[in-house]
């Protein structure tokens, strides 16, 4: 009976990981340990960024995607967290602009962007929230605007550990590949994607998506 009780206690203890990741210092340390910067590096290195390009970073967090972007672009970072934006302004003020706002309610004076990054955001949003976001972005895109996203994904052949760690992410809406694509293809006709399984120092499958009108 005691062994059974010990067995039942294993899962609740493991599931505390998501709660711990709510604390930003712990989350930042965790990101460093698993080499999460590789996601930003892959995004930047696989997206054409010409001098003078106007770049919108949706859910920019601390703005550290700028570490991997060229300095000759026109960058705007938007995040709903004032703490993130304050930090980004302090550290990267010379590299771009930062606005604390809900991007679905963002009003810009006829600004259009060449590239829009949505890094690790979709899996934090419900289907209706993703649709609202994609609809709101229509205001800021041109015919050749490219939108780039990266999020954890559930695959049919994902290992138990990959599914476990994806489930422990702070985002509650990690989807299967088709789940992401079905949401996006309503708004964009040209879609390319790539799933990378060995990018981080932990077994999480990451889906990168590049879309245009």
C-alpha atoms as a PDB file:
ATOM      1  CA  UNK A   1       0.000   0.000   0.000  1.00  0.00           C
ATOM      2  CA  UNK A   2       2.842   2.409   0.830  1.00  0.00           C
ATOM      3  CA  UNK A   3       4.452   1.638  -2.536  1.00  0.00           C
ATOM      4  CA  UNK A   4       1.192   2.456  -4.292  1.00  0.00           C
ATOM      5  CA  UNK A   5       0.991   5.763  -2.471  1.00  0.00           C
ATOM      6  CA  UNK A   6       4.537   6.614  -3.436  1.00  0.00           C
ATOM      7  CA  UNK A   7       3.693   5.810  -7.032  1.00  0.00           C
ATOM      8  CA  UNK A   8       0.695   8.121  -7.044  1.00  0.00           C
ATOM      9  CA  UNK A   9       2.823  10.916  -5.587  1.00  0.00           C
ATOM     10  CA  UNK A  10       5.276  10.960  -8.472  1.00  0.00           C
ATOM     11  CA  UNK A  11       3.065  12.687 -11.040  1.00  0.00           C
ATOM     12  CA  UNK A  12       1.867  15.626  -8.875  1.00  0.00           C
ATOM     13  CA  UNK A  13       5.474  16.435  -7.978  1.00  0.00           C
ATOM     14  CA  UNK A  14       6.553  16.407 -11.632  1.00  0.00           C
ATOM     15  CA  UNK A  15       3.655  18.588 -12.634  1.00  0.00           C
ATOM     16  CA  UNK A  16       4.929  21.402 -10.446  1.00  0.00           C
ATOM     17  CA  UNK A  17       7.357  22.338 -13.246  1.00  0.00           C
ATOM     18  CA  UNK A  18       4.741  24.467 -15.034  1.00  0.00           C
ATOM     19  CA  UNK A  19       4.019  26.349 -11.813  1.00  0.00           C
ATOM     20  CA  UNK A  20       7.708  27.027 -11.214  1.00  0.00           C
ATOM     21  CA  UNK A  21       8.088  28.415 -14.731  1.00  0.00           C
ATOM     22  CA  UNK A  22       5.600  31.150 -13.867  1.00  0.00           C
ATOM     23  CA  UNK A  23       8.447  32.869 -11.989  1.00  0.00           C
ATOM     24  CA  UNK A  24      10.522  34.877 -14.448  1.00  0.00           C
ATOM     25  CA  UNK A  25      13.969  34.294 -12.864  1.00  0.00           C
ATOM     26  CA  UNK A  26      13.356  30.543 -12.901  1.00  0.00           C
ATOM     27  CA  UNK A  27      11.959  30.694 -16.429  1.00  0.00           C
ATOM     28  CA  UNK A  28      14.994  32.673 -17.682  1.00  0.00           C
ATOM     29  CA  UNK A  29      17.392  30.211 -16.059  1.00  0.00           C
ATOM     30  CA  UNK A  30      15.456  27.298 -17.527  1.00  0.00           C
ATOM     31  CA  UNK A  31      15.648  28.906 -20.990  1.00  0.00           C
ATOM     32  CA  UNK A  32      19.438  29.157 -20.684  1.00  0.00           C
ATOM     33  CA  UNK A  33      19.785  25.575 -19.489  1.00  0.00           C
ATOM     34  CA  UNK A  34      17.837  24.165 -22.440  1.00  0.00           C
ATOM     35  CA  UNK A  35      19.509  26.514 -24.979  1.00  0.00           C
ATOM     36  CA  UNK A  36      16.226  28.161 -26.007  1.00  0.00           C
ATOM     37  CA  UNK A  37      18.226  30.881 -27.783  1.00  0.00           C
ATOM     38  CA  UNK A  38      18.662  28.370 -30.609  1.00  0.00           C
ATOM     39  CA  UNK A  39      15.024  28.955 -31.575  1.00  0.00           C
ATOM     40  CA  UNK A  40      15.691  32.670 -32.090  1.00  0.00           C
ATOM     41  CA  UNK A  41      18.914  31.902 -33.929  1.00  0.00           C
ATOM     42  CA  UNK A  42      17.161  29.536 -36.342  1.00  0.00           C
ATOM     43  CA  UNK A  43      14.324  32.015 -36.910  1.00  0.00           C
ATOM     44  CA  UNK A  44      16.733  34.837 -37.708  1.00  0.00           C
ATOM     45  CA  UNK A  45      19.100  32.802 -39.864  1.00  0.00           C
ATOM     46  CA  UNK A  46      16.267  31.386 -41.994  1.00  0.00           C
ATOM     47  CA  UNK A  47      14.471  34.692 -42.630  1.00  0.00           C
ATOM     48  CA  UNK A  48      15.723  37.150 -45.225  1.00  0.00           C
ATOM     49  CA  UNK A  49      16.254  40.538 -43.611  1.00  0.00           C
ATOM     50  CA  UNK A  50      17.420  43.265 -45.973  1.00  0.00           C
ATOM     51  CA  UNK A  51      18.785  46.645 -44.815  1.00  0.00           C
ATOM     52  CA  UNK A  52      15.957  48.984 -43.922  1.00  0.00           C
ATOM     53  CA  UNK A  53      13.360  46.235 -43.521  1.00  0.00           C
ATOM     54  CA  UNK A  54      10.565  47.118 -41.124  1.00  0.00           C
ATOM     55  CA  UNK A  55      10.264  44.342 -38.530  1.00  0.00           C
ATOM     56  CA  UNK A  56       7.442  43.783 -36.028  1.00  0.00           C
ATOM     57  CA  UNK A  57       8.179  41.453 -33.109  1.00  0.00           C
ATOM     58  CA  UNK A  58       4.846  40.353 -31.588  1.00  0.00           C
ATOM     59  CA  UNK A  59       5.144  39.235 -27.970  1.00  0.00           C
ATOM     60  CA  UNK A  60       8.732  40.471 -27.956  1.00  0.00           C
ATOM     61  CA  UNK A  61       9.315  39.761 -24.256  1.00  0.00           C
ATOM     62  CA  UNK A  62      12.668  41.213 -23.219  1.00  0.00           C
ATOM     63  CA  UNK A  63      13.476  42.061 -26.843  1.00  0.00           C
ATOM     64  CA  UNK A  64      16.405  39.663 -26.985  1.00  0.00           C
ATOM     65  CA  UNK A  65      15.522  38.475 -30.482  1.00  0.00           C
ATOM     66  CA  UNK A  66      17.491  41.599 -31.444  1.00  0.00           C
ATOM     67  CA  UNK A  67      20.655  39.745 -30.430  1.00  0.00           C
ATOM     68  CA  UNK A  68      20.247  37.677 -33.602  1.00  0.00           C
ATOM     69  CA  UNK A  69      18.967  40.316 -36.025  1.00  0.00           C
ATOM     70  CA  UNK A  70      21.060  42.700 -38.163  1.00  0.00           C
ATOM     71  CA  UNK A  71      21.477  46.234 -36.872  1.00  0.00           C
ATOM     72  CA  UNK A  72      20.364  47.918 -40.096  1.00  0.00           C
ATOM     73  CA  UNK A  73      16.642  47.140 -39.736  1.00  0.00           C
ATOM     74  CA  UNK A  74      13.733  49.201 -38.430  1.00  0.00           C
ATOM     75  CA  UNK A  75      12.508  47.202 -35.433  1.00  0.00           C
ATOM     76  CA  UNK A  76       9.336  47.500 -33.341  1.00  0.00           C
ATOM     77  CA  UNK A  77       8.744  45.194 -30.376  1.00  0.00           C
ATOM     78  CA  UNK A  78       5.289  44.859 -28.821  1.00  0.00           C
ATOM     79  CA  UNK A  79       4.413  43.014 -25.632  1.00  0.00           C
ATOM     80  CA  UNK A  80       1.524  43.160 -23.186  1.00  0.00           C
ATOM     81  CA  UNK A  81       3.878  43.049 -20.182  1.00  0.00           C
ATOM     82  CA  UNK A  82       5.120  46.421 -18.946  1.00  0.00           C
ATOM     83  CA  UNK A  83       7.942  44.670 -17.059  1.00  0.00           C
ATOM     84  CA  UNK A  84       9.238  43.125 -20.287  1.00  0.00           C
ATOM     85  CA  UNK A  85       8.961  46.377 -22.216  1.00  0.00           C
ATOM     86  CA  UNK A  86      10.714  48.408 -19.512  1.00  0.00           C
ATOM     87  CA  UNK A  87      13.614  45.971 -19.576  1.00  0.00           C
ATOM     88  CA  UNK A  88      13.735  45.921 -23.384  1.00  0.00           C
ATOM     89  CA  UNK A  89      13.825  49.721 -23.553  1.00  0.00           C
ATOM     90  CA  UNK A  90      16.635  49.850 -21.023  1.00  0.00           C
ATOM     91  CA  UNK A  91      18.755  47.263 -22.810  1.00  0.00           C
ATOM     92  CA  UNK A  92      17.909  47.720 -26.493  1.00  0.00           C
ATOM     93  CA  UNK A  93      16.653  51.293 -26.766  1.00  0.00           C
ATOM     94  CA  UNK A  94      19.303  52.122 -29.391  1.00  0.00           C
ATOM     95  CA  UNK A  95      18.237  49.176 -31.555  1.00  0.00           C
ATOM     96  CA  UNK A  96      14.515  49.819 -31.922  1.00  0.00           C
ATOM     97  CA  UNK A  97      11.177  50.939 -30.526  1.00  0.00           C
ATOM     98  CA  UNK A  98       9.138  49.160 -27.878  1.00  0.00           C
ATOM     99  CA  UNK A  99       5.445  49.481 -27.073  1.00  0.00           C
ATOM    100  CA  UNK A 100       3.487  47.954 -24.201  1.00  0.00           C
ATOM    101  CA  UNK A 101       0.165  46.998 -25.762  1.00  0.00           C
ATOM    102  CA  UNK A 102      -2.201  44.228 -26.750  1.00  0.00           C
ATOM    103  CA  UNK A 103      -1.235  43.847 -30.405  1.00  0.00           C
ATOM    104  CA  UNK A 104      -4.852  43.082 -31.337  1.00  0.00           C
ATOM    105  CA  UNK A 105      -5.683  46.627 -30.216  1.00  0.00           C
ATOM    106  CA  UNK A 106      -2.520  48.256 -31.537  1.00  0.00           C
ATOM    107  CA  UNK A 107      -3.006  51.404 -33.603  1.00  0.00           C
ATOM    108  CA  UNK A 108      -0.100  52.551 -35.797  1.00  0.00           C
ATOM    109  CA  UNK A 109      -0.138  55.332 -38.367  1.00  0.00           C
ATOM    110  CA  UNK A 110      -0.336  53.389 -41.615  1.00  0.00           C
ATOM    111  CA  UNK A 111       2.735  51.325 -40.766  1.00  0.00           C
ATOM    112  CA  UNK A 112       3.384  48.243 -42.871  1.00  0.00           C
ATOM    113  CA  UNK A 113       6.026  45.665 -42.067  1.00  0.00           C
ATOM    114  CA  UNK A 114       8.276  43.494 -44.219  1.00  0.00           C
ATOM    115  CA  UNK A 115       8.693  40.808 -41.557  1.00  0.00           C
ATOM    116  CA  UNK A 116       6.551  39.944 -38.539  1.00  0.00           C
ATOM    117  CA  UNK A 117       7.930  37.577 -35.913  1.00  0.00           C
ATOM    118  CA  UNK A 118       5.555  35.682 -33.617  1.00  0.00           C
ATOM    119  CA  UNK A 119       7.984  33.666 -31.547  1.00  0.00           C
ATOM    120  CA  UNK A 120       6.610  31.161 -29.016  1.00  0.00           C
ATOM    121  CA  UNK A 121       3.252  32.901 -28.749  1.00  0.00           C
ATOM    122  CA  UNK A 122       0.619  30.782 -30.517  1.00  0.00           C
ATOM    123  CA  UNK A 123       0.841  28.034 -27.902  1.00  0.00           C
ATOM    124  CA  UNK A 124      -0.115  30.609 -25.267  1.00  0.00           C
ATOM    125  CA  UNK A 125      -3.305  31.548 -27.146  1.00  0.00           C
ATOM    126  CA  UNK A 126      -6.624  29.759 -27.610  1.00  0.00           C
ATOM    127  CA  UNK A 127      -7.939  29.200 -31.150  1.00  0.00           C
ATOM    128  CA  UNK A 128     -10.156  32.280 -30.932  1.00  0.00           C
ATOM    129  CA  UNK A 129      -7.238  34.386 -29.662  1.00  0.00           C
ATOM    130  CA  UNK A 130      -4.989  33.204 -32.493  1.00  0.00           C
ATOM    131  CA  UNK A 131      -7.686  34.109 -35.023  1.00  0.00           C
ATOM    132  CA  UNK A 132      -8.098  37.534 -33.454  1.00  0.00           C
ATOM    133  CA  UNK A 133      -4.335  38.085 -33.605  1.00  0.00           C
ATOM    134  CA  UNK A 134      -4.038  37.028 -37.246  1.00  0.00           C
ATOM    135  CA  UNK A 135      -6.984  39.218 -38.191  1.00  0.00           C
ATOM    136  CA  UNK A 136      -5.445  42.214 -36.442  1.00  0.00           C
ATOM    137  CA  UNK A 137      -2.134  41.711 -38.263  1.00  0.00           C
ATOM    138  CA  UNK A 138      -3.817  42.176 -41.655  1.00  0.00           C
ATOM    139  CA  UNK A 139      -3.591  45.926 -41.007  1.00  0.00           C
ATOM    140  CA  UNK A 140       0.200  45.769 -40.905  1.00  0.00           C
ATOM    141  CA  UNK A 141       1.041  43.489 -43.821  1.00  0.00           C
ATOM    142  CA  UNK A 142       1.863  44.058 -47.473  1.00  0.00           C
ATOM    143  CA  UNK A 143       1.605  41.541 -50.294  1.00  0.00           C
ATOM    144  CA  UNK A 144       5.117  40.215 -49.679  1.00  0.00           C
ATOM    145  CA  UNK A 145       5.188  40.515 -45.898  1.00  0.00           C
ATOM    146  CA  UNK A 146       6.495  37.329 -44.340  1.00  0.00           C
ATOM    147  CA  UNK A 147       5.250  36.152 -40.947  1.00  0.00           C
ATOM    148  CA  UNK A 148       7.437  33.769 -38.968  1.00  0.00           C
ATOM    149  CA  UNK A 149       6.364  31.716 -35.957  1.00  0.00           C
ATOM    150  CA  UNK A 150       7.872  29.029 -33.748  1.00  0.00           C
ATOM    151  CA  UNK A 151       6.054  26.923 -31.166  1.00  0.00           C
ATOM    152  CA  UNK A 152       6.261  23.492 -29.538  1.00  0.00           C
ATOM    153  CA  UNK A 153       4.217  20.879 -31.378  1.00  0.00           C
ATOM    154  CA  UNK A 154       2.791  17.435 -30.647  1.00  0.00           C
ATOM    155  CA  UNK A 155       3.795  14.857 -33.267  1.00  0.00           C
ATOM    156  CA  UNK A 156       2.286  11.428 -33.800  1.00  0.00           C
ATOM    157  CA  UNK A 157       5.674   9.872 -33.054  1.00  0.00           C
ATOM    158  CA  UNK A 158       6.682  12.258 -30.258  1.00  0.00           C
ATOM    159  CA  UNK A 159       8.385  10.527 -27.367  1.00  0.00           C
ATOM    160  CA  UNK A 160       6.826  10.471 -23.932  1.00  0.00           C
ATOM    161  CA  UNK A 161       9.427  12.952 -22.713  1.00  0.00           C
ATOM    162  CA  UNK A 162       8.783  15.323 -25.625  1.00  0.00           C
ATOM    163  CA  UNK A 163       5.069  15.322 -24.869  1.00  0.00           C
ATOM    164  CA  UNK A 164       5.698  15.727 -21.160  1.00  0.00           C
ATOM    165  CA  UNK A 165       7.996  18.727 -21.482  1.00  0.00           C
ATOM    166  CA  UNK A 166       5.690  20.362 -24.051  1.00  0.00           C
ATOM    167  CA  UNK A 167       2.786  19.892 -21.631  1.00  0.00           C
ATOM    168  CA  UNK A 168       4.788  21.598 -18.882  1.00  0.00           C
ATOM    169  CA  UNK A 169       5.336  24.772 -20.879  1.00  0.00           C
ATOM    170  CA  UNK A 170       3.629  27.893 -19.532  1.00  0.00           C
ATOM    171  CA  UNK A 171       1.569  27.940 -22.716  1.00  0.00           C
ATOM    172  CA  UNK A 172      -1.532  25.773 -22.389  1.00  0.00           C
ATOM    173  CA  UNK A 173      -2.348  25.444 -26.096  1.00  0.00           C
ATOM    174  CA  UNK A 174       0.427  23.367 -27.647  1.00  0.00           C
ATOM    175  CA  UNK A 175      -1.164  21.829 -30.745  1.00  0.00           C
ATOM    176  CA  UNK A 176      -0.576  19.152 -33.312  1.00  0.00           C
ATOM    177  CA  UNK A 177       0.907  20.239 -36.636  1.00  0.00           C
ATOM    178  CA  UNK A 178      -2.521  20.343 -38.289  1.00  0.00           C
ATOM    179  CA  UNK A 179      -3.872  22.474 -35.459  1.00  0.00           C
ATOM    180  CA  UNK A 180      -1.449  25.297 -36.203  1.00  0.00           C
ATOM    181  CA  UNK A 181      -1.803  25.000 -39.976  1.00  0.00           C
ATOM    182  CA  UNK A 182      -5.611  24.992 -39.952  1.00  0.00           C
ATOM    183  CA  UNK A 183      -5.651  28.240 -37.973  1.00  0.00           C
ATOM    184  CA  UNK A 184      -3.169  29.946 -40.273  1.00  0.00           C
ATOM    185  CA  UNK A 185      -4.338  28.865 -43.724  1.00  0.00           C
ATOM    186  CA  UNK A 186      -7.594  30.794 -43.376  1.00  0.00           C
ATOM    187  CA  UNK A 187      -5.555  34.011 -43.584  1.00  0.00           C
ATOM    188  CA  UNK A 188      -2.516  33.046 -45.695  1.00  0.00           C
ATOM    189  CA  UNK A 189      -2.156  31.007 -48.877  1.00  0.00           C
ATOM    190  CA  UNK A 190       1.612  30.507 -49.005  1.00  0.00           C
ATOM    191  CA  UNK A 191       2.739  28.418 -46.065  1.00  0.00           C
ATOM    192  CA  UNK A 192       6.037  26.670 -45.423  1.00  0.00           C
ATOM    193  CA  UNK A 193       6.914  24.833 -42.239  1.00  0.00           C
ATOM    194  CA  UNK A 194       9.627  22.760 -40.669  1.00  0.00           C
ATOM    195  CA  UNK A 195       9.621  20.638 -37.522  1.00  0.00           C
ATOM    196  CA  UNK A 196      12.918  20.368 -35.645  1.00  0.00           C
ATOM    197  CA  UNK A 197      13.249  17.722 -32.960  1.00  0.00           C
ATOM    198  CA  UNK A 198      16.828  18.008 -31.702  1.00  0.00           C
ATOM    199  CA  UNK A 199      17.287  21.740 -31.387  1.00  0.00           C
ATOM    200  CA  UNK A 200      17.194  22.143 -27.605  1.00  0.00           C
ATOM    201  CA  UNK A 201      18.923  20.409 -24.715  1.00  0.00           C
ATOM    202  CA  UNK A 202      15.621  18.708 -23.977  1.00  0.00           C
ATOM    203  CA  UNK A 203      13.319  16.514 -26.106  1.00  0.00           C
ATOM    204  CA  UNK A 204      10.813  19.079 -27.389  1.00  0.00           C
ATOM    205  CA  UNK A 205       9.616  19.212 -30.994  1.00  0.00           C
ATOM    206  CA  UNK A 206       9.508  22.767 -32.393  1.00  0.00           C
ATOM    207  CA  UNK A 207       7.438  23.783 -35.414  1.00  0.00           C
ATOM    208  CA  UNK A 208       8.668  26.749 -37.462  1.00  0.00           C
ATOM    209  CA  UNK A 209       6.224  28.345 -39.903  1.00  0.00           C
ATOM    210  CA  UNK A 210       6.831  30.939 -42.632  1.00  0.00           C
ATOM    211  CA  UNK A 211       3.754  32.414 -44.306  1.00  0.00           C
ATOM    212  CA  UNK A 212       2.834  35.049 -46.897  1.00  0.00           C
ATOM    213  CA  UNK A 213      -0.441  36.181 -48.386  1.00  0.00           C
END
